[in-house]
Amino acid sequence: MPPFANLLAALSAQSLHALAPGAASGDVREAGRYDPAEMAPSAAPAALPSLLVVDDEPELRGLLAEYFGRHGFEVRMAEGAAQARELIAAARPDLAVLDINMPGENGLSLARWLREAHPRVAIVMLTTASEAVDRIVGLELGADDYVAKPYELRELLARVRAVLRRSQVTAAAAAVAAPPATAVADGTRRVAFGDRLLDLDQRKLFAADGAEIEITAAEYDLLALFARHPNRPLNRDQIMEQAHNRGWDVFDRSIDLRVMRLRRKIERNPDKPEVLKTVRNVGYVYVVPQA
């Protein structure tokens, strides 16, 4: 990755302004837990939100750990994907901040693995302003949000907090609204979308003959959302907030494109949908197949 001298200088200035005098940068331990109690006289909360920062720039890692630790997070750091996997295996974080451009396995590959292996971990991607394709791919892989470099620490903090709030709301809603799933021989739960079956435990889509139909993490999240709300029209605001943990604006057509791609995979005739129907001036509705 090219050096980010200007970014680090700007972030350092923000960090010095945000941190109380006397905070020692030497208290940050590489690849270990960052304990805010070592820098603050008050006792740490019983359960701090846990954050994993994955970036190959050591100065930036330390700066983020110091800043987030100061704002009530338990922070661990990894210099790359391999170390991140080890730390996640030891203790799953609530949210991972992933830099896209890292040597070896990049942040997009790590995000794909993280979404498949640990779907409840929220993901915020760090990109450069010119990487529009990477941002789109990251969101398709299941990232909850992205922040473009250079960024302000306050913005990153606000986005991380917002993603965690939405994740908690989504998890609570999922626990209350159980999908109309049926158990199959191996005990897994599956929801019918036409003659397709969505496996909620494996996060996979299967055809009637048992063949797997490839879907992205974002497409799975959308199908799972519809499964939780059968025969109920959902507007784009609800879909973006609950399935993708981010807001929607009038120019955002990503939901329409995703529904169009899903219709090609689950409908007998995508031009005349019977499962994912459009509700005029509202959004979309999942119509449960009649027995």
C-alpha atoms as a PDB file:
ATOM      1  CA  MET A   1       0.000   0.000   0.000  1.00  0.00           C
ATOM      2  CA  PRO A   2       1.317   3.484  -0.795  1.00  0.00           C
ATOM      3  CA  PRO A   3       2.314   5.519   2.280  1.00  0.00           C
ATOM      4  CA  PHE A   4      -0.343   7.634   3.878  1.00  0.00           C
ATOM      5  CA  ALA A   5       1.866  10.279   5.404  1.00  0.00           C
ATOM      6  CA  ASN A   6      -0.668  13.061   4.954  1.00  0.00           C
ATOM      7  CA  LEU A   7      -3.464  10.897   6.314  1.00  0.00           C
ATOM      8  CA  LEU A   8      -1.443   9.898   9.353  1.00  0.00           C
ATOM      9  CA  ALA A   9      -0.474  13.498  10.021  1.00  0.00           C
ATOM     10  CA  ALA A  10      -4.102  14.584   9.887  1.00  0.00           C
ATOM     11  CA  LEU A  11      -5.274  11.703  12.041  1.00  0.00           C
ATOM     12  CA  SER A  12      -2.496  12.343  14.542  1.00  0.00           C
ATOM     13  CA  ALA A  13      -3.623  15.941  14.911  1.00  0.00           C
ATOM     14  CA  GLN A  14      -7.211  14.804  15.480  1.00  0.00           C
ATOM     15  CA  SER A  15      -6.079  12.186  17.984  1.00  0.00           C
ATOM     16  CA  LEU A  16      -4.000  14.664  19.980  1.00  0.00           C
ATOM     17  CA  HIS A  17      -6.960  17.019  20.099  1.00  0.00           C
ATOM     18  CA  ALA A  18      -9.365  14.243  21.153  1.00  0.00           C
ATOM     19  CA  LEU A  19      -7.191  12.521  23.749  1.00  0.00           C
ATOM     20  CA  ALA A  20      -6.620  13.882  27.232  1.00  0.00           C
ATOM     21  CA  PRO A  21      -3.136  15.123  28.105  1.00  0.00           C
ATOM     22  CA  GLY A  22      -0.801  12.467  29.367  1.00  0.00           C
ATOM     23  CA  ALA A  23      -2.208   9.602  27.248  1.00  0.00           C
ATOM     24  CA  ALA A  24       0.756   7.433  26.369  1.00  0.00           C
ATOM     25  CA  SER A  25       0.900   5.879  22.932  1.00  0.00           C
ATOM     26  CA  GLY A  26       3.173   3.207  24.336  1.00  0.00           C
ATOM     27  CA  ASP A  27       0.164   1.686  26.131  1.00  0.00           C
ATOM     28  CA  VAL A  28      -1.048   0.216  22.825  1.00  0.00           C
ATOM     29  CA  ARG A  29       0.103  -3.380  22.448  1.00  0.00           C
ATOM     30  CA  GLU A  30       0.470  -4.813  18.943  1.00  0.00           C
ATOM     31  CA  ALA A  31      -1.935  -7.701  18.218  1.00  0.00           C
ATOM     32  CA  GLY A  32      -3.162  -7.542  21.825  1.00  0.00           C
ATOM     33  CA  ARG A  33      -6.065  -6.071  23.700  1.00  0.00           C
ATOM     34  CA  TYR A  34      -6.100  -2.340  24.316  1.00  0.00           C
ATOM     35  CA  ASP A  35      -7.280  -1.591  27.843  1.00  0.00           C
ATOM     36  CA  PRO A  36      -8.768   1.926  28.238  1.00  0.00           C
ATOM     37  CA  ALA A  37      -8.478   1.541  32.021  1.00  0.00           C
ATOM     38  CA  GLU A  38      -4.717   1.899  31.694  1.00  0.00           C
ATOM     39  CA  MET A  39      -5.221   5.477  30.449  1.00  0.00           C
ATOM     40  CA  ALA A  40      -8.350   6.542  32.318  1.00  0.00           C
ATOM     41  CA  PRO A  41      -8.832   6.824  36.059  1.00  0.00           C
ATOM     42  CA  SER A  42     -12.411   5.535  35.938  1.00  0.00           C
ATOM     43  CA  ALA A  43     -13.188   1.821  35.805  1.00  0.00           C
ATOM     44  CA  ALA A  44     -13.952   0.283  32.407  1.00  0.00           C
ATOM     45  CA  PRO A  45     -17.562  -0.720  31.676  1.00  0.00           C
ATOM     46  CA  ALA A  46     -18.479  -4.348  32.311  1.00  0.00           C
ATOM     47  CA  ALA A  47     -19.019  -5.095  28.627  1.00  0.00           C
ATOM     48  CA  LEU A  48     -17.271  -2.856  26.110  1.00  0.00           C
ATOM     49  CA  PRO A  49     -18.094  -3.194  22.405  1.00  0.00           C
ATOM     50  CA  SER A  50     -15.222  -5.096  20.825  1.00  0.00           C
ATOM     51  CA  LEU A  51     -13.473  -3.801  17.714  1.00  0.00           C
ATOM     52  CA  LEU A  52     -10.918  -5.428  15.426  1.00  0.00           C
ATOM     53  CA  VAL A  53      -8.759  -3.072  13.327  1.00  0.00           C
ATOM     54  CA  VAL A  54      -7.062  -4.735  10.343  1.00  0.00           C
ATOM     55  CA  ASP A  55      -4.551  -2.514   8.518  1.00  0.00           C
ATOM     56  CA  ASP A  56      -0.965  -3.020   7.388  1.00  0.00           C
ATOM     57  CA  GLU A  57       0.081   0.490   8.489  1.00  0.00           C
ATOM     58  CA  PRO A  58       1.348   0.159  12.104  1.00  0.00           C
ATOM     59  CA  GLU A  59       1.078   3.887  12.869  1.00  0.00           C
ATOM     60  CA  LEU A  60      -2.534   3.977  11.697  1.00  0.00           C
ATOM     61  CA  ARG A  61      -3.397   0.839  13.658  1.00  0.00           C
ATOM     62  CA  GLY A  62      -1.983   2.307  16.835  1.00  0.00           C
ATOM     63  CA  LEU A  63      -3.731   5.626  16.284  1.00  0.00           C
ATOM     64  CA  LEU A  64      -7.117   3.971  15.748  1.00  0.00           C
ATOM     65  CA  ALA A  65      -6.645   1.700  18.760  1.00  0.00           C
ATOM     66  CA  GLU A  66      -5.809   4.670  20.950  1.00  0.00           C
ATOM     67  CA  TYR A  67      -8.722   6.748  19.694  1.00  0.00           C
ATOM     68  CA  PHE A  68     -11.383   4.027  19.870  1.00  0.00           C
ATOM     69  CA  GLY A  69     -10.073   2.810  23.205  1.00  0.00           C
ATOM     70  CA  ARG A  70     -10.517   6.334  24.526  1.00  0.00           C
ATOM     71  CA  HIS A  71     -14.135   6.249  23.363  1.00  0.00           C
ATOM     72  CA  GLY A  72     -15.155   3.082  25.167  1.00  0.00           C
ATOM     73  CA  PHE A  73     -14.129   0.266  22.836  1.00  0.00           C
ATOM     74  CA  GLU A  74     -12.096  -2.833  23.495  1.00  0.00           C
ATOM     75  CA  VAL A  75      -9.668  -2.803  20.554  1.00  0.00           C
ATOM     76  CA  ARG A  76      -7.494  -5.492  19.045  1.00  0.00           C
ATOM     77  CA  MET A  77      -5.213  -4.999  16.052  1.00  0.00           C
ATOM     78  CA  ALA A  78      -4.022  -7.141  13.151  1.00  0.00           C
ATOM     79  CA  GLU A  79      -1.517  -6.295  10.446  1.00  0.00           C
ATOM     80  CA  GLY A  80      -3.130  -8.575   7.878  1.00  0.00           C
ATOM     81  CA  ALA A  81      -5.779 -11.185   7.116  1.00  0.00           C
ATOM     82  CA  ALA A  82      -3.877 -14.144   8.587  1.00  0.00           C
ATOM     83  CA  GLN A  83      -3.438 -12.487  11.968  1.00  0.00           C
ATOM     84  CA  ALA A  84      -7.041 -11.256  11.866  1.00  0.00           C
ATOM     85  CA  ARG A  85      -8.311 -14.837  11.438  1.00  0.00           C
ATOM     86  CA  GLU A  86      -6.296 -15.948  14.469  1.00  0.00           C
ATOM     87  CA  LEU A  87      -7.676 -13.138  16.630  1.00  0.00           C
ATOM     88  CA  ILE A  88     -11.251 -13.810  15.479  1.00  0.00           C
ATOM     89  CA  ALA A  89     -10.846 -17.512  16.270  1.00  0.00           C
ATOM     90  CA  ALA A  90      -9.751 -16.567  19.788  1.00  0.00           C
ATOM     91  CA  ALA A  91     -12.593 -14.070  20.364  1.00  0.00           C
ATOM     92  CA  ARG A  92     -15.191 -12.862  17.882  1.00  0.00           C
ATOM     93  CA  PRO A  93     -15.421  -9.044  17.712  1.00  0.00           C
ATOM     94  CA  ASP A  94     -18.633  -7.064  17.447  1.00  0.00           C
ATOM     95  CA  LEU A  95     -17.257  -5.114  14.484  1.00  0.00           C
ATOM     96  CA  ALA A  96     -14.231  -5.295  12.190  1.00  0.00           C
ATOM     97  CA  VAL A  97     -12.656  -2.276  10.487  1.00  0.00           C
ATOM     98  CA  LEU A  98     -10.930  -3.630   7.362  1.00  0.00           C
ATOM     99  CA  ASP A  99      -8.546  -1.828   5.033  1.00  0.00           C
ATOM    100  CA  ILE A 100      -9.100  -2.988   1.460  1.00  0.00           C
ATOM    101  CA  ASN A 101      -5.563  -2.513   0.136  1.00  0.00           C
ATOM    102  CA  MET A 102      -3.295  -4.828   2.093  1.00  0.00           C
ATOM    103  CA  PRO A 103      -0.434  -7.000   0.849  1.00  0.00           C
ATOM    104  CA  GLY A 104      -1.277 -10.669   0.490  1.00  0.00           C
ATOM    105  CA  GLU A 105      -4.950 -11.354   1.151  1.00  0.00           C
ATOM    106  CA  ASN A 106      -6.797  -8.062   0.776  1.00  0.00           C
ATOM    107  CA  GLY A 107      -9.680  -6.676   2.781  1.00  0.00           C
ATOM    108  CA  LEU A 108     -12.328  -7.777   0.276  1.00  0.00           C
ATOM    109  CA  SER A 109     -11.274 -11.414   0.552  1.00  0.00           C
ATOM    110  CA  LEU A 110     -11.228 -11.160   4.345  1.00  0.00           C
ATOM    111  CA  ALA A 111     -14.682  -9.540   4.321  1.00  0.00           C
ATOM    112  CA  ARG A 112     -16.072 -12.410   2.217  1.00  0.00           C
ATOM    113  CA  TRP A 113     -14.684 -14.991   4.655  1.00  0.00           C
ATOM    114  CA  LEU A 114     -15.857 -13.021   7.678  1.00  0.00           C
ATOM    115  CA  ARG A 115     -19.400 -12.652   6.352  1.00  0.00           C
ATOM    116  CA  GLU A 116     -19.622 -16.388   5.581  1.00  0.00           C
ATOM    117  CA  ALA A 117     -17.906 -17.683   8.732  1.00  0.00           C
ATOM    118  CA  HIS A 118     -19.150 -15.072  11.219  1.00  0.00           C
ATOM    119  CA  PRO A 119     -22.287 -13.415   9.779  1.00  0.00           C
ATOM    120  CA  ARG A 120     -23.058 -11.519  12.985  1.00  0.00           C
ATOM    121  CA  VAL A 121     -19.807  -9.548  12.924  1.00  0.00           C
ATOM    122  CA  ALA A 122     -20.407  -6.063  11.492  1.00  0.00           C
ATOM    123  CA  ILE A 123     -17.937  -4.810   8.862  1.00  0.00           C
ATOM    124  CA  VAL A 124     -16.756  -1.297   7.993  1.00  0.00           C
ATOM    125  CA  MET A 125     -14.389  -1.037   5.021  1.00  0.00           C
ATOM    126  CA  LEU A 126     -11.658   1.578   4.604  1.00  0.00           C
ATOM    127  CA  THR A 127     -11.102   2.619   0.978  1.00  0.00           C
ATOM    128  CA  THR A 128      -9.510   5.419  -0.997  1.00  0.00           C
ATOM    129  CA  ALA A 129     -11.770   7.958  -2.671  1.00  0.00           C
ATOM    130  CA  SER A 130     -10.978   6.606  -6.175  1.00  0.00           C
ATOM    131  CA  GLU A 131     -11.938   2.996  -5.406  1.00  0.00           C
ATOM    132  CA  ALA A 132     -15.625   3.111  -6.395  1.00  0.00           C
ATOM    133  CA  VAL A 133     -15.520  -0.449  -7.713  1.00  0.00           C
ATOM    134  CA  ASP A 134     -14.022  -1.740  -4.466  1.00  0.00           C
ATOM    135  CA  ARG A 135     -16.714   0.046  -2.447  1.00  0.00           C
ATOM    136  CA  ILE A 136     -19.459  -1.556  -4.524  1.00  0.00           C
ATOM    137  CA  VAL A 137     -17.848  -4.992  -4.307  1.00  0.00           C
ATOM    138  CA  GLY A 138     -17.387  -4.586  -0.561  1.00  0.00           C
ATOM    139  CA  LEU A 139     -21.070  -3.777  -0.055  1.00  0.00           C
ATOM    140  CA  GLU A 140     -22.046  -6.697  -2.283  1.00  0.00           C
ATOM    141  CA  LEU A 141     -19.919  -9.010  -0.161  1.00  0.00           C
ATOM    142  CA  GLY A 142     -21.857  -7.910   2.891  1.00  0.00           C
ATOM    143  CA  ALA A 143     -19.954  -4.937   4.331  1.00  0.00           C
ATOM    144  CA  ASP A 144     -22.227  -2.743   6.435  1.00  0.00           C
ATOM    145  CA  ASP A 145     -20.577   0.569   5.571  1.00  0.00           C
ATOM    146  CA  TYR A 146     -17.411   2.091   4.153  1.00  0.00           C
ATOM    147  CA  VAL A 147     -15.330   5.167   4.895  1.00  0.00           C
ATOM    148  CA  ALA A 148     -13.144   6.785   2.236  1.00  0.00           C
ATOM    149  CA  LYS A 149      -9.567   7.852   2.976  1.00  0.00           C
ATOM    150  CA  PRO A 150      -8.597  10.394   4.068  1.00  0.00           C
ATOM    151  CA  TYR A 151     -11.222  10.498   6.786  1.00  0.00           C
ATOM    152  CA  GLU A 152     -11.826  12.215  10.094  1.00  0.00           C
ATOM    153  CA  LEU A 153     -11.642  10.071  13.200  1.00  0.00           C
ATOM    154  CA  ARG A 154     -14.946  11.515  14.377  1.00  0.00           C
ATOM    155  CA  GLU A 155     -16.675  10.385  11.194  1.00  0.00           C
ATOM    156  CA  LEU A 156     -15.263   6.864  11.477  1.00  0.00           C
ATOM    157  CA  LEU A 157     -16.339   6.702  15.122  1.00  0.00           C
ATOM    158  CA  ALA A 158     -19.847   7.904  14.242  1.00  0.00           C
ATOM    159  CA  ARG A 159     -20.186   5.344  11.450  1.00  0.00           C
ATOM    160  CA  VAL A 160     -18.941   2.490  13.633  1.00  0.00           C
ATOM    161  CA  ARG A 161     -21.407   3.400  16.365  1.00  0.00           C
ATOM    162  CA  ALA A 162     -24.257   3.695  13.850  1.00  0.00           C
ATOM    163  CA  VAL A 163     -23.494   0.292  12.329  1.00  0.00           C
ATOM    164  CA  LEU A 164     -23.414  -1.316  15.780  1.00  0.00           C
ATOM    165  CA  ARG A 165     -26.760   0.262  16.696  1.00  0.00           C
ATOM    166  CA  ARG A 166     -28.366  -0.988  13.490  1.00  0.00           C
ATOM    167  CA  SER A 167     -26.852  -4.441  13.965  1.00  0.00           C
ATOM    168  CA  GLN A 168     -28.362  -4.687  17.440  1.00  0.00           C
ATOM    169  CA  VAL A 169     -31.786  -3.629  16.156  1.00  0.00           C
ATOM    170  CA  THR A 170     -31.574  -6.109  13.271  1.00  0.00           C
ATOM    171  CA  ALA A 171     -30.549  -8.955  15.585  1.00  0.00           C
ATOM    172  CA  ALA A 172     -33.437  -8.196  17.939  1.00  0.00           C
ATOM    173  CA  ALA A 173     -35.918  -8.072  15.064  1.00  0.00           C
ATOM    174  CA  ALA A 174     -34.608 -11.362  13.680  1.00  0.00           C
ATOM    175  CA  ALA A 175     -35.049 -13.033  17.064  1.00  0.00           C
ATOM    176  CA  VAL A 176     -38.678 -11.856  17.336  1.00  0.00           C
ATOM    177  CA  ALA A 177     -39.752 -12.420  13.726  1.00  0.00           C
ATOM    178  CA  ALA A 178     -38.916 -16.051  13.037  1.00  0.00           C
ATOM    179  CA  PRO A 179     -39.204 -16.975   9.349  1.00  0.00           C
ATOM    180  CA  PRO A 180     -41.725 -19.596   8.203  1.00  0.00           C
ATOM    181  CA  ALA A 181     -38.969 -22.195   8.015  1.00  0.00           C
ATOM    182  CA  THR A 182     -39.391 -25.937   7.758  1.00  0.00           C
ATOM    183  CA  ALA A 183     -36.899 -28.430   9.155  1.00  0.00           C
ATOM    184  CA  VAL A 184     -35.442 -31.006   6.789  1.00  0.00           C
ATOM    185  CA  ALA A 185     -33.864 -34.376   7.492  1.00  0.00           C
ATOM    186  CA  ASP A 186     -30.519 -32.997   8.639  1.00  0.00           C
ATOM    187  CA  GLY A 187     -32.191 -30.534  11.026  1.00  0.00           C
ATOM    188  CA  THR A 188     -31.439 -27.378   9.030  1.00  0.00           C
ATOM    189  CA  ARG A 189     -34.080 -24.678   8.525  1.00  0.00           C
ATOM    190  CA  ARG A 190     -35.162 -23.832   4.995  1.00  0.00           C
ATOM    191  CA  VAL A 191     -37.566 -21.286   3.541  1.00  0.00           C
ATOM    192  CA  ALA A 192     -39.244 -21.765   0.162  1.00  0.00           C
ATOM    193  CA  PHE A 193     -38.903 -19.050  -2.471  1.00  0.00           C
ATOM    194  CA  GLY A 194     -40.951 -20.554  -5.275  1.00  0.00           C
ATOM    195  CA  ASP A 195     -39.299 -23.906  -5.962  1.00  0.00           C
ATOM    196  CA  ARG A 196     -36.019 -22.652  -4.462  1.00  0.00           C
ATOM    197  CA  LEU A 197     -35.028 -23.282  -0.854  1.00  0.00           C
ATOM    198  CA  LEU A 198     -33.071 -20.818   1.266  1.00  0.00           C
ATOM    199  CA  ASP A 199     -31.024 -22.599   3.936  1.00  0.00           C
ATOM    200  CA  LEU A 200     -30.892 -20.277   6.943  1.00  0.00           C
ATOM    201  CA  ASP A 201     -28.167 -22.226   8.710  1.00  0.00           C
ATOM    202  CA  GLN A 202     -25.795 -22.659   5.766  1.00  0.00           C
ATOM    203  CA  ARG A 203     -26.723 -19.267   4.219  1.00  0.00           C
ATOM    204  CA  LYS A 204     -27.163 -20.966   0.849  1.00  0.00           C
ATOM    205  CA  LEU A 205     -29.821 -21.167  -1.870  1.00  0.00           C
ATOM    206  CA  PHE A 206     -30.768 -24.502  -3.444  1.00  0.00           C
ATOM    207  CA  ALA A 207     -32.721 -25.460  -6.560  1.00  0.00           C
ATOM    208  CA  ALA A 208     -35.495 -28.064  -6.508  1.00  0.00           C
ATOM    209  CA  ASP A 209     -33.022 -30.770  -7.541  1.00  0.00           C
ATOM    210  CA  GLY A 210     -30.706 -29.908  -4.653  1.00  0.00           C
ATOM    211  CA  ALA A 211     -28.109 -28.042  -6.732  1.00  0.00           C
ATOM    212  CA  GLU A 212     -26.675 -24.983  -5.029  1.00  0.00           C
ATOM    213  CA  ILE A 213     -27.431 -21.626  -6.634  1.00  0.00           C
ATOM    214  CA  GLU A 214     -24.668 -19.097  -6.031  1.00  0.00           C
ATOM    215  CA  ILE A 215     -25.718 -15.972  -4.155  1.00  0.00           C
ATOM    216  CA  THR A 216     -23.710 -13.155  -2.609  1.00  0.00           C
ATOM    217  CA  ALA A 217     -23.771 -12.318   1.100  1.00  0.00           C
ATOM    218  CA  ALA A 218     -25.855  -9.216   0.333  1.00  0.00           C
ATOM    219  CA  GLU A 219     -28.350 -11.293  -1.671  1.00  0.00           C
ATOM    220  CA  TYR A 220     -28.662 -13.760   1.202  1.00  0.00           C
ATOM    221  CA  ASP A 221     -29.298 -10.915   3.654  1.00  0.00           C
ATOM    222  CA  LEU A 222     -32.066  -9.618   1.405  1.00  0.00           C
ATOM    223  CA  LEU A 223     -33.740 -13.037   1.066  1.00  0.00           C
ATOM    224  CA  ALA A 224     -33.470 -13.610   4.830  1.00  0.00           C
ATOM    225  CA  LEU A 225     -35.161 -10.256   5.431  1.00  0.00           C
ATOM    226  CA  PHE A 226     -38.057 -11.170   3.129  1.00  0.00           C
ATOM    227  CA  ALA A 227     -38.284 -14.559   4.870  1.00  0.00           C
ATOM    228  CA  ARG A 228     -38.747 -12.809   8.212  1.00  0.00           C
ATOM    229  CA  HIS A 229     -41.615 -10.733   6.793  1.00  0.00           C
ATOM    230  CA  PRO A 230     -43.694 -12.998   4.537  1.00  0.00           C
ATOM    231  CA  ASN A 231     -46.587 -11.397   2.639  1.00  0.00           C
ATOM    232  CA  ARG A 232     -45.659  -7.997   4.081  1.00  0.00           C
ATOM    233  CA  PRO A 233     -44.659  -5.148   1.742  1.00  0.00           C
ATOM    234  CA  LEU A 234     -41.298  -3.605   2.644  1.00  0.00           C
ATOM    235  CA  ASN A 235     -40.231  -0.175   1.466  1.00  0.00           C
ATOM    236  CA  ARG A 236     -36.680   0.658   0.408  1.00  0.00           C
ATOM    237  CA  ASP A 237     -35.916   2.382   3.713  1.00  0.00           C
ATOM    238  CA  GLN A 238     -36.794  -0.766   5.637  1.00  0.00           C
ATOM    239  CA  ILE A 239     -34.797  -2.954   3.271  1.00  0.00           C
ATOM    240  CA  MET A 240     -31.660  -0.818   3.421  1.00  0.00           C
ATOM    241  CA  GLU A 241     -31.809  -0.424   7.190  1.00  0.00           C
ATOM    242  CA  GLN A 242     -32.612  -4.036   8.070  1.00  0.00           C
ATOM    243  CA  ALA A 243     -30.861  -6.000   5.330  1.00  0.00           C
ATOM    244  CA  HIS A 244     -27.845  -3.804   4.674  1.00  0.00           C
ATOM    245  CA  ASN A 245     -27.511  -1.659   7.814  1.00  0.00           C
ATOM    246  CA  ARG A 246     -27.293   1.617   5.947  1.00  0.00           C
ATOM    247  CA  GLY A 247     -29.534   4.424   4.797  1.00  0.00           C
ATOM    248  CA  TRP A 248     -31.189   4.870   1.405  1.00  0.00           C
ATOM    249  CA  ASP A 249     -31.511   7.942  -0.781  1.00  0.00           C
ATOM    250  CA  VAL A 250     -33.656   8.642  -3.808  1.00  0.00           C
ATOM    251  CA  PHE A 251     -30.771   8.037  -6.240  1.00  0.00           C
ATOM    252  CA  ASP A 252     -29.796   4.676  -4.747  1.00  0.00           C
ATOM    253  CA  ARG A 253     -30.917   1.887  -7.085  1.00  0.00           C
ATOM    254  CA  SER A 254     -28.875  -0.911  -5.509  1.00  0.00           C
ATOM    255  CA  ILE A 255     -31.958  -2.567  -3.990  1.00  0.00           C
ATOM    256  CA  ASP A 256     -33.765  -2.614  -7.337  1.00  0.00           C
ATOM    257  CA  LEU A 257     -30.721  -4.133  -9.031  1.00  0.00           C
ATOM    258  CA  ARG A 258     -30.365  -6.752  -6.296  1.00  0.00           C
ATOM    259  CA  VAL A 259     -34.027  -7.728  -6.529  1.00  0.00           C
ATOM    260  CA  MET A 260     -33.692  -7.985 -10.307  1.00  0.00           C
ATOM    261  CA  ARG A 261     -30.724 -10.356  -9.945  1.00  0.00           C
ATOM    262  CA  LEU A 262     -32.550 -12.437  -7.330  1.00  0.00           C
ATOM    263  CA  ARG A 263     -35.600 -12.765  -9.562  1.00  0.00           C
ATOM    264  CA  ARG A 264     -33.372 -14.332 -12.214  1.00  0.00           C
ATOM    265  CA  LYS A 265     -32.383 -16.952  -9.660  1.00  0.00           C
ATOM    266  CA  ILE A 266     -35.737 -17.773  -8.037  1.00  0.00           C
ATOM    267  CA  GLU A 267     -38.549 -16.872 -10.456  1.00  0.00           C
ATOM    268  CA  ARG A 268     -39.868 -19.106 -13.219  1.00  0.00           C
ATOM    269  CA  ASN A 269     -40.322 -15.975 -15.330  1.00  0.00           C
ATOM    270  CA  PRO A 270     -38.295 -13.001 -13.997  1.00  0.00           C
ATOM    271  CA  ASP A 271     -40.351 -10.623 -16.169  1.00  0.00           C
ATOM    272  CA  LYS A 272     -43.546 -11.769 -14.410  1.00  0.00           C
ATOM    273  CA  PRO A 273     -42.461 -12.340 -10.817  1.00  0.00           C
ATOM    274  CA  GLU A 274     -44.625 -14.484  -8.550  1.00  0.00           C
ATOM    275  CA  VAL A 275     -42.382 -14.677  -5.480  1.00  0.00           C
ATOM    276  CA  LEU A 276     -40.733 -11.252  -5.123  1.00  0.00           C
ATOM    277  CA  LYS A 277     -43.422  -8.882  -6.322  1.00  0.00           C
ATOM    278  CA  THR A 278     -43.254  -5.132  -6.783  1.00  0.00           C
ATOM    279  CA  VAL A 279     -45.706  -3.088  -4.714  1.00  0.00           C
ATOM    280  CA  ARG A 280     -46.295   0.146  -6.569  1.00  0.00           C
ATOM    281  CA  ASN A 281     -45.107   3.278  -4.720  1.00  0.00           C
ATOM    282  CA  VAL A 282     -43.999   1.135  -1.775  1.00  0.00           C
ATOM    283  CA  GLY A 283     -41.298  -1.444  -2.506  1.00  0.00           C
ATOM    284  CA  TYR A 284     -41.361  -5.241  -2.635  1.00  0.00           C
ATOM    285  CA  VAL A 285     -43.185  -8.151  -1.024  1.00  0.00           C
ATOM    286  CA  TYR A 286     -42.272 -11.825  -0.606  1.00  0.00           C
ATOM    287  CA  VAL A 287     -45.302 -13.934  -1.487  1.00  0.00           C
ATOM    288  CA  VAL A 288     -45.255 -17.258   0.357  1.00  0.00           C
ATOM    289  CA  PRO A 289     -45.854 -20.193  -2.008  1.00  0.00           C
ATOM    290  CA  GLN A 290     -49.230 -21.882  -1.539  1.00  0.00           C
ATOM    291  CA  ALA A 291     -49.051 -25.453  -0.314  1.00  0.00           C
END
